[in-house]
């Protein structure tokens, strides 16, 4: 007999959540003291004792709230309170199930994206980030995207000629 349907949608304090570790991109921005004190679960800086980006998990933690997670909201607050920051903050969440979520925090929104599948490989070949191949290919979209939305990341793929070779 099949068990009940399970979803990843949870209510704060109810459900399993996702055991996850997080890492942020390396940007030369110092973080305010209140942020450091609010997030003792994070490492800050590049191992030099600084209180700056990047941030990384000290240990796994549960993520329940999706876009409303306090870490994302606090990063958004930092962006809004620090006009000298000219950049958005991107984070990668690695989940216990093998899932990956990319989070883009901007001054006015929090966006999340996830890959749609896995392929077996014999070596590391993460073509989607652009470091394995030089050709940028825009991801296919089912609906036209508003031009004002910030980009979460470009999909790239192997170079191909005009006839697809």
N, C-alpha and C. Protein backbone atom coordinates (compact mmCIF):
# COMPACT_ATOMS: atom_id res chain seq x y z
N UNK A 1 0.84 -1.18 0.00
CA UNK A 1 0.00 0.00 0.00
C UNK A 1 0.88 1.24 0.00
N UNK A 2 0.51 2.22 -0.80
CA UNK A 2 1.26 3.47 -0.86
C UNK A 2 0.95 4.33 0.34
N UNK A 3 1.97 5.03 0.81
CA UNK A 3 1.78 5.94 1.93
C UNK A 3 1.19 7.25 1.45
N UNK A 4 1.02 8.20 2.37
CA UNK A 4 0.46 9.49 2.01
C UNK A 4 1.39 10.25 1.06
N UNK A 5 0.81 11.10 0.25
CA UNK A 5 1.61 11.95 -0.63
C UNK A 5 2.46 12.87 0.20
N UNK A 6 3.71 13.06 -0.21
CA UNK A 6 4.62 13.94 0.51
C UNK A 6 4.98 15.11 -0.38
N UNK A 7 5.05 16.27 0.19
CA UNK A 7 5.48 17.45 -0.56
C UNK A 7 6.59 18.12 0.23
N UNK A 8 7.29 19.04 -0.42
CA UNK A 8 8.31 19.79 0.28
C UNK A 8 7.76 21.07 0.89
N UNK A 9 6.47 21.28 0.78
CA UNK A 9 5.86 22.46 1.38
C UNK A 9 5.58 22.17 2.85
N UNK A 10 6.10 22.98 3.73
CA UNK A 10 5.89 22.77 5.15
C UNK A 10 5.45 24.05 5.81
N UNK A 11 4.88 23.91 6.95
CA UNK A 11 4.51 25.04 7.79
C UNK A 11 5.56 25.13 8.88
N UNK A 12 5.94 26.33 9.26
CA UNK A 12 6.98 26.50 10.27
C UNK A 12 6.72 25.57 11.46
N UNK A 13 7.73 24.76 11.77
CA UNK A 13 7.63 23.87 12.90
C UNK A 13 6.91 22.57 12.61
N UNK A 14 6.32 22.42 11.44
CA UNK A 14 5.59 21.21 11.09
C UNK A 14 6.28 20.61 9.87
N UNK A 15 6.45 19.31 9.85
CA UNK A 15 7.07 18.67 8.71
C UNK A 15 8.55 18.46 8.94
N UNK A 16 9.18 17.85 7.96
CA UNK A 16 10.57 17.44 8.10
C UNK A 16 11.55 18.54 7.73
N UNK A 17 11.25 19.38 6.78
CA UNK A 17 12.23 20.36 6.32
C UNK A 17 13.31 19.67 5.51
N UNK A 18 14.31 20.43 5.11
CA UNK A 18 15.43 19.89 4.36
C UNK A 18 16.71 20.12 5.14
N UNK A 19 17.45 19.03 5.43
CA UNK A 19 18.78 19.21 6.03
C UNK A 19 19.66 19.73 4.91
N UNK A 20 20.30 20.84 5.14
CA UNK A 20 20.94 21.58 4.07
C UNK A 20 22.21 22.27 4.59
N UNK A 21 23.19 22.42 3.70
CA UNK A 21 24.32 23.31 3.94
C UNK A 21 24.25 24.40 2.88
N UNK A 22 24.80 25.56 3.20
CA UNK A 22 24.70 26.71 2.31
C UNK A 22 26.08 27.34 2.13
N UNK A 23 26.31 27.90 0.96
CA UNK A 23 27.51 28.67 0.69
C UNK A 23 27.12 29.85 -0.20
N UNK A 24 27.77 30.99 0.01
CA UNK A 24 27.50 32.19 -0.79
C UNK A 24 28.72 32.49 -1.65
N UNK A 25 28.47 33.25 -2.70
CA UNK A 25 29.57 33.67 -3.55
C UNK A 25 30.50 34.59 -2.77
N UNK A 26 31.73 34.69 -3.25
CA UNK A 26 32.77 35.48 -2.59
C UNK A 26 32.73 36.90 -3.15
N UNK A 27 32.22 37.83 -2.34
CA UNK A 27 32.16 39.23 -2.71
C UNK A 27 32.91 40.05 -1.65
N UNK A 28 33.54 41.14 -2.03
CA UNK A 28 34.35 41.91 -1.07
C UNK A 28 33.51 42.87 -0.21
N UNK A 29 32.47 42.35 0.43
CA UNK A 29 31.59 43.18 1.24
C UNK A 29 31.61 42.73 2.69
N UNK A 30 31.80 43.69 3.59
CA UNK A 30 31.75 43.40 5.02
C UNK A 30 30.30 43.31 5.46
N UNK A 31 30.05 42.42 6.41
CA UNK A 31 28.70 42.23 6.94
C UNK A 31 28.57 42.96 8.27
N UNK A 32 27.39 43.52 8.56
CA UNK A 32 27.21 44.24 9.82
C UNK A 32 27.23 43.29 11.02
N UNK A 33 27.56 43.85 12.16
CA UNK A 33 27.67 43.07 13.40
C UNK A 33 26.36 42.35 13.71
N UNK A 34 25.22 43.02 13.52
CA UNK A 34 23.95 42.37 13.85
C UNK A 34 23.75 41.10 13.04
N UNK A 35 24.21 41.09 11.78
CA UNK A 35 24.07 39.90 10.93
C UNK A 35 24.95 38.77 11.45
N UNK A 36 26.18 39.09 11.80
CA UNK A 36 27.12 38.09 12.34
C UNK A 36 26.55 37.47 13.61
N UNK A 37 26.03 38.32 14.50
CA UNK A 37 25.48 37.83 15.77
C UNK A 37 24.21 37.02 15.56
N UNK A 38 23.42 37.35 14.54
CA UNK A 38 22.17 36.64 14.28
C UNK A 38 22.40 35.27 13.64
N UNK A 39 23.60 35.02 13.11
CA UNK A 39 23.86 33.78 12.37
C UNK A 39 25.15 33.08 12.83
N UNK A 40 25.15 32.60 14.08
CA UNK A 40 26.34 31.89 14.57
C UNK A 40 26.56 30.56 13.87
N UNK A 41 25.59 30.10 13.09
CA UNK A 41 25.71 28.83 12.37
C UNK A 41 26.56 28.96 11.10
N UNK A 42 27.06 30.17 10.81
CA UNK A 42 27.80 30.42 9.58
C UNK A 42 29.27 30.71 9.83
N UNK A 43 30.10 30.34 8.86
CA UNK A 43 31.49 30.80 8.77
C UNK A 43 31.45 32.07 7.93
N UNK A 44 32.33 33.01 8.22
CA UNK A 44 32.39 34.26 7.47
C UNK A 44 33.78 34.46 6.90
N UNK A 45 33.89 35.08 5.76
CA UNK A 45 35.17 35.41 5.16
C UNK A 45 35.88 34.21 4.59
N UNK A 46 37.14 34.41 4.27
CA UNK A 46 37.96 33.38 3.64
C UNK A 46 38.91 32.72 4.63
N UNK A 47 38.45 32.48 5.84
CA UNK A 47 39.29 31.86 6.85
C UNK A 47 40.27 32.82 7.48
N UNK A 48 40.09 34.11 7.22
CA UNK A 48 41.01 35.12 7.75
C UNK A 48 40.44 35.83 8.98
N UNK A 49 39.32 35.32 9.50
CA UNK A 49 38.71 35.94 10.68
C UNK A 49 37.87 37.16 10.37
N UNK A 50 37.72 37.51 9.11
CA UNK A 50 36.94 38.69 8.76
C UNK A 50 35.45 38.39 8.82
N UNK A 51 34.67 39.43 8.98
CA UNK A 51 33.21 39.28 9.00
C UNK A 51 32.65 39.81 7.68
N UNK A 52 32.94 39.09 6.62
CA UNK A 52 32.55 39.49 5.28
C UNK A 52 32.08 38.27 4.51
N UNK A 53 31.56 38.51 3.32
CA UNK A 53 31.26 37.40 2.43
C UNK A 53 32.58 36.78 1.97
N UNK A 54 32.62 35.52 1.63
CA UNK A 54 31.51 34.60 1.53
C UNK A 54 31.07 34.08 2.90
N UNK A 55 29.87 33.54 2.93
CA UNK A 55 29.39 32.84 4.11
C UNK A 55 29.23 31.37 3.74
N UNK A 56 29.38 30.50 4.74
CA UNK A 56 29.21 29.05 4.53
C UNK A 56 28.72 28.43 5.83
N UNK A 57 28.00 27.35 5.71
CA UNK A 57 27.49 26.64 6.88
C UNK A 57 28.62 26.07 7.72
N UNK A 58 28.49 26.18 9.03
CA UNK A 58 29.39 25.46 9.94
C UNK A 58 28.96 24.00 10.03
N UNK A 59 27.67 23.77 9.90
CA UNK A 59 27.08 22.44 9.98
C UNK A 59 25.74 22.49 9.27
N UNK A 60 25.15 21.32 9.01
CA UNK A 60 23.86 21.32 8.33
C UNK A 60 22.79 21.90 9.23
N UNK A 61 21.77 22.42 8.60
CA UNK A 61 20.62 22.94 9.34
C UNK A 61 19.37 22.64 8.53
N UNK A 62 18.22 22.80 9.15
CA UNK A 62 16.95 22.57 8.47
C UNK A 62 16.48 23.86 7.82
N UNK A 63 16.01 23.75 6.59
CA UNK A 63 15.36 24.86 5.91
C UNK A 63 13.89 24.51 5.78
N UNK A 64 13.02 25.32 6.37
CA UNK A 64 11.58 25.09 6.35
C UNK A 64 10.83 26.12 5.52
N UNK A 65 11.31 27.35 5.50
CA UNK A 65 10.49 28.47 5.06
C UNK A 65 10.69 28.91 3.62
N UNK A 66 11.48 28.22 2.85
CA UNK A 66 11.72 28.59 1.46
C UNK A 66 12.20 30.05 1.37
N UNK A 67 11.53 30.87 0.59
CA UNK A 67 11.97 32.25 0.38
C UNK A 67 11.88 33.09 1.65
N UNK A 68 11.08 32.65 2.62
CA UNK A 68 10.92 33.42 3.85
C UNK A 68 11.92 33.01 4.93
N UNK A 69 12.94 32.23 4.58
CA UNK A 69 13.94 31.85 5.57
C UNK A 69 14.64 33.10 6.11
N UNK A 70 14.90 33.12 7.40
CA UNK A 70 15.47 34.31 8.04
C UNK A 70 16.83 34.69 7.46
N UNK A 71 17.62 33.71 7.05
CA UNK A 71 18.92 34.01 6.45
C UNK A 71 18.74 34.86 5.20
N UNK A 72 17.81 34.48 4.33
CA UNK A 72 17.59 35.24 3.10
C UNK A 72 17.03 36.63 3.40
N UNK A 73 16.09 36.70 4.34
CA UNK A 73 15.51 37.99 4.71
C UNK A 73 16.56 38.91 5.33
N UNK A 74 17.46 38.34 6.13
CA UNK A 74 18.53 39.15 6.73
C UNK A 74 19.52 39.64 5.68
N UNK A 75 19.85 38.79 4.71
CA UNK A 75 20.72 39.26 3.62
C UNK A 75 20.05 40.37 2.82
N UNK A 76 18.76 40.25 2.61
CA UNK A 76 18.03 41.31 1.92
C UNK A 76 18.06 42.60 2.73
N UNK A 77 17.91 42.49 4.03
CA UNK A 77 17.99 43.67 4.90
C UNK A 77 19.38 44.32 4.80
N UNK A 78 20.43 43.49 4.78
CA UNK A 78 21.79 44.03 4.63
C UNK A 78 21.90 44.81 3.32
N UNK A 79 21.38 44.24 2.23
CA UNK A 79 21.42 44.95 0.94
C UNK A 79 20.70 46.29 1.02
N UNK A 80 19.53 46.30 1.66
CA UNK A 80 18.74 47.53 1.74
C UNK A 80 19.34 48.56 2.69
N UNK A 81 20.07 48.12 3.69
CA UNK A 81 20.68 49.05 4.65
C UNK A 81 22.09 49.47 4.24
N UNK A 82 22.61 48.90 3.16
CA UNK A 82 23.98 49.20 2.73
C UNK A 82 23.97 49.66 1.28
N UNK A 83 23.65 50.94 1.04
CA UNK A 83 23.54 51.42 -0.34
C UNK A 83 24.84 51.30 -1.14
N UNK A 84 25.98 51.20 -0.47
CA UNK A 84 27.26 51.08 -1.19
C UNK A 84 27.43 49.71 -1.83
N UNK A 85 26.65 48.72 -1.40
CA UNK A 85 26.71 47.41 -2.04
C UNK A 85 26.05 47.52 -3.40
N UNK A 86 26.80 47.24 -4.44
CA UNK A 86 26.26 47.37 -5.80
C UNK A 86 25.94 46.01 -6.41
N UNK A 87 25.91 44.98 -5.61
CA UNK A 87 25.77 43.63 -6.11
C UNK A 87 24.65 42.91 -5.38
N UNK A 88 24.02 41.94 -6.02
CA UNK A 88 23.09 41.03 -5.36
C UNK A 88 23.89 39.91 -4.71
N UNK A 89 23.25 39.08 -3.91
CA UNK A 89 23.94 37.97 -3.26
C UNK A 89 23.33 36.67 -3.75
N UNK A 90 24.19 35.77 -4.23
CA UNK A 90 23.76 34.44 -4.65
C UNK A 90 24.27 33.41 -3.67
N UNK A 91 23.40 32.46 -3.32
CA UNK A 91 23.75 31.37 -2.43
C UNK A 91 23.42 30.06 -3.13
N UNK A 92 24.11 29.01 -2.74
CA UNK A 92 23.80 27.66 -3.19
C UNK A 92 23.48 26.83 -1.95
N UNK A 93 22.35 26.14 -1.99
CA UNK A 93 21.94 25.25 -0.91
C UNK A 93 22.10 23.82 -1.40
N UNK A 94 22.84 23.01 -0.64
CA UNK A 94 23.03 21.59 -0.94
C UNK A 94 22.19 20.80 0.06
N UNK A 95 21.24 20.02 -0.44
CA UNK A 95 20.31 19.31 0.41
C UNK A 95 20.73 17.85 0.61
N UNK A 96 20.31 17.26 1.73
CA UNK A 96 20.66 15.88 2.07
C UNK A 96 20.24 14.88 1.00
N UNK A 97 19.23 15.19 0.23
CA UNK A 97 18.71 14.27 -0.79
C UNK A 97 19.52 14.35 -2.09
N UNK A 98 20.49 15.27 -2.16
CA UNK A 98 21.25 15.47 -3.38
C UNK A 98 20.74 16.63 -4.19
N UNK A 99 19.65 17.25 -3.75
CA UNK A 99 19.10 18.40 -4.45
C UNK A 99 19.94 19.64 -4.24
N UNK A 100 19.82 20.56 -5.16
CA UNK A 100 20.55 21.83 -5.12
C UNK A 100 19.56 22.95 -5.40
N UNK A 101 19.64 24.01 -4.63
CA UNK A 101 18.81 25.19 -4.87
C UNK A 101 19.74 26.40 -4.94
N UNK A 102 19.58 27.20 -5.97
CA UNK A 102 20.31 28.45 -6.10
C UNK A 102 19.37 29.56 -5.69
N UNK A 103 19.84 30.45 -4.82
CA UNK A 103 19.01 31.53 -4.29
C UNK A 103 19.65 32.85 -4.67
N UNK A 104 18.87 33.74 -5.25
CA UNK A 104 19.31 35.08 -5.59
C UNK A 104 18.58 36.06 -4.68
N UNK A 105 19.34 36.80 -3.87
CA UNK A 105 18.77 37.79 -2.98
C UNK A 105 19.08 39.17 -3.55
N UNK A 106 18.04 39.95 -3.83
CA UNK A 106 18.19 41.32 -4.31
C UNK A 106 17.53 42.25 -3.29
N UNK A 107 17.62 43.53 -3.54
CA UNK A 107 17.02 44.50 -2.61
C UNK A 107 15.50 44.35 -2.52
N UNK A 108 14.86 43.88 -3.59
CA UNK A 108 13.39 43.84 -3.58
C UNK A 108 12.78 42.47 -3.80
N UNK A 109 13.60 41.43 -3.97
CA UNK A 109 13.02 40.10 -4.12
C UNK A 109 14.02 39.00 -3.78
N UNK A 110 13.48 37.83 -3.54
CA UNK A 110 14.27 36.62 -3.31
C UNK A 110 13.78 35.60 -4.33
N UNK A 111 14.68 35.12 -5.17
CA UNK A 111 14.31 34.17 -6.22
C UNK A 111 15.07 32.87 -5.99
N UNK A 112 14.43 31.77 -6.36
CA UNK A 112 15.04 30.45 -6.20
C UNK A 112 14.93 29.69 -7.52
N UNK A 113 15.95 28.89 -7.81
CA UNK A 113 15.94 28.05 -9.02
C UNK A 113 16.58 26.71 -8.67
N UNK A 114 16.10 25.67 -9.37
CA UNK A 114 16.65 24.33 -9.16
C UNK A 114 16.85 23.65 -10.50
N UNK A 115 17.89 22.80 -10.60
CA UNK A 115 18.06 22.05 -11.84
C UNK A 115 16.92 21.05 -12.03
N UNK A 116 16.70 20.66 -13.25
CA UNK A 116 15.55 19.80 -13.53
C UNK A 116 15.91 18.33 -13.65
N UNK A 117 17.17 17.96 -13.57
CA UNK A 117 17.50 16.55 -13.66
C UNK A 117 18.98 16.30 -13.48
N UNK A 118 19.34 15.03 -13.47
CA UNK A 118 20.71 14.59 -13.29
C UNK A 118 21.11 13.70 -14.46
N UNK A 119 22.38 13.74 -14.80
CA UNK A 119 22.94 12.86 -15.82
C UNK A 119 24.20 12.21 -15.24
N UNK A 120 24.39 10.94 -15.52
CA UNK A 120 25.60 10.26 -15.06
C UNK A 120 26.78 10.75 -15.89
N UNK A 121 27.91 11.00 -15.22
CA UNK A 121 29.12 11.47 -15.89
C UNK A 121 30.32 10.67 -15.39
N UNK A 122 31.40 10.69 -16.16
CA UNK A 122 32.62 10.01 -15.76
C UNK A 122 33.63 10.98 -15.14
N UNK A 123 33.39 12.26 -15.30
CA UNK A 123 34.25 13.28 -14.70
C UNK A 123 33.41 14.52 -14.44
N UNK A 124 33.94 15.42 -13.66
CA UNK A 124 33.21 16.65 -13.36
C UNK A 124 33.06 17.44 -14.65
N UNK A 125 31.83 17.75 -14.99
CA UNK A 125 31.55 18.42 -16.26
C UNK A 125 30.31 19.29 -16.07
N UNK A 126 30.41 20.28 -15.20
CA UNK A 126 29.23 21.10 -14.92
C UNK A 126 29.14 22.25 -15.91
N UNK A 127 28.68 21.90 -17.10
CA UNK A 127 28.61 22.82 -18.22
C UNK A 127 27.68 23.99 -17.98
N UNK A 128 26.72 23.88 -17.05
CA UNK A 128 25.72 24.91 -16.85
C UNK A 128 26.29 26.20 -16.28
N UNK A 129 27.46 26.16 -15.64
CA UNK A 129 27.99 27.38 -15.03
C UNK A 129 28.90 28.15 -15.96
N UNK A 130 29.37 27.54 -17.02
CA UNK A 130 30.20 28.27 -17.97
C UNK A 130 31.68 28.00 -17.84
N UNK A 131 32.10 27.24 -16.83
CA UNK A 131 33.54 27.03 -16.68
C UNK A 131 34.06 25.86 -17.50
N UNK A 132 33.17 25.03 -18.05
CA UNK A 132 33.61 23.90 -18.85
C UNK A 132 33.56 24.20 -20.35
N UNK A 133 32.66 25.07 -20.76
CA UNK A 133 32.52 25.44 -22.16
C UNK A 133 32.34 26.94 -22.25
N UNK A 134 32.70 27.52 -23.38
CA UNK A 134 32.65 28.96 -23.53
C UNK A 134 31.39 29.53 -24.13
N UNK A 135 30.47 28.71 -24.58
CA UNK A 135 29.29 29.22 -25.27
C UNK A 135 28.16 29.43 -24.29
N UNK A 136 27.60 30.61 -24.28
CA UNK A 136 26.46 30.92 -23.42
C UNK A 136 25.18 30.64 -24.19
N UNK A 137 24.29 29.87 -23.60
CA UNK A 137 22.99 29.58 -24.20
C UNK A 137 21.93 29.96 -23.19
N UNK A 138 20.99 30.77 -23.58
CA UNK A 138 19.90 31.15 -22.68
C UNK A 138 19.00 29.95 -22.43
N UNK A 139 18.54 29.76 -21.19
CA UNK A 139 17.61 28.66 -20.92
C UNK A 139 16.29 28.86 -21.64
N UNK A 140 15.66 27.76 -22.05
CA UNK A 140 14.35 27.85 -22.68
C UNK A 140 13.32 28.24 -21.64
N UNK A 141 12.39 29.08 -22.02
CA UNK A 141 11.36 29.54 -21.10
C UNK A 141 9.99 29.29 -21.72
N UNK A 142 9.04 28.92 -20.88
CA UNK A 142 7.70 28.68 -21.39
C UNK A 142 6.91 29.98 -21.50
N UNK A 143 7.31 30.99 -20.74
CA UNK A 143 6.64 32.29 -20.79
C UNK A 143 7.68 33.37 -21.00
N UNK A 144 7.32 34.47 -21.64
CA UNK A 144 8.28 35.56 -21.79
C UNK A 144 8.66 36.09 -20.41
N UNK A 145 9.93 36.36 -20.22
CA UNK A 145 10.41 36.86 -18.94
C UNK A 145 10.47 38.38 -18.98
N UNK A 146 10.08 39.00 -17.88
CA UNK A 146 10.18 40.45 -17.80
C UNK A 146 11.64 40.85 -17.82
N UNK A 147 11.95 41.89 -18.53
CA UNK A 147 13.32 42.34 -18.65
C UNK A 147 13.90 42.87 -17.35
N UNK A 148 13.04 43.27 -16.40
CA UNK A 148 13.52 43.89 -15.18
C UNK A 148 13.99 42.88 -14.13
N UNK A 149 13.71 41.58 -14.31
CA UNK A 149 14.11 40.59 -13.33
C UNK A 149 15.61 40.37 -13.38
N UNK A 150 16.29 40.31 -12.23
CA UNK A 150 17.72 40.01 -12.24
C UNK A 150 17.94 38.56 -12.65
N UNK A 151 19.09 38.29 -13.20
CA UNK A 151 19.40 36.97 -13.70
C UNK A 151 19.91 36.08 -12.58
N UNK A 152 19.41 34.87 -12.48
CA UNK A 152 19.88 33.92 -11.47
C UNK A 152 21.13 33.22 -11.98
N UNK A 153 21.25 32.99 -13.23
CA UNK A 153 22.42 32.32 -13.81
C UNK A 153 22.12 31.94 -15.24
N UNK A 154 23.13 31.91 -16.06
CA UNK A 154 22.95 31.55 -17.46
C UNK A 154 23.25 30.07 -17.63
N UNK A 155 22.48 29.42 -18.47
CA UNK A 155 22.79 28.05 -18.86
C UNK A 155 23.75 28.12 -20.03
N UNK A 156 24.72 27.25 -20.05
CA UNK A 156 25.67 27.18 -21.15
C UNK A 156 25.79 25.74 -21.57
N UNK A 157 26.32 25.50 -22.74
CA UNK A 157 26.48 24.15 -23.20
C UNK A 157 27.65 24.04 -24.15
N UNK A 158 27.88 22.84 -24.62
CA UNK A 158 28.99 22.65 -25.56
C UNK A 158 28.80 23.52 -26.80
N UNK A 159 29.91 23.95 -27.36
CA UNK A 159 29.83 24.76 -28.55
C UNK A 159 29.23 23.95 -29.68
N UNK A 160 28.42 24.57 -30.50
CA UNK A 160 27.85 23.91 -31.65
C UNK A 160 27.85 24.87 -32.82
N UNK A 161 27.95 24.30 -33.99
CA UNK A 161 27.96 25.11 -35.20
C UNK A 161 26.56 25.51 -35.59
N UNK A 162 26.42 26.26 -36.70
CA UNK A 162 25.11 26.74 -37.12
C UNK A 162 24.12 25.62 -37.45
N UNK A 163 24.62 24.44 -37.83
CA UNK A 163 23.72 23.33 -38.15
C UNK A 163 23.62 22.32 -37.00
N UNK A 164 24.02 22.74 -35.78
CA UNK A 164 23.87 21.92 -34.60
C UNK A 164 24.99 20.94 -34.36
N UNK A 165 26.07 21.00 -35.16
CA UNK A 165 27.19 20.08 -34.96
C UNK A 165 28.19 20.64 -34.00
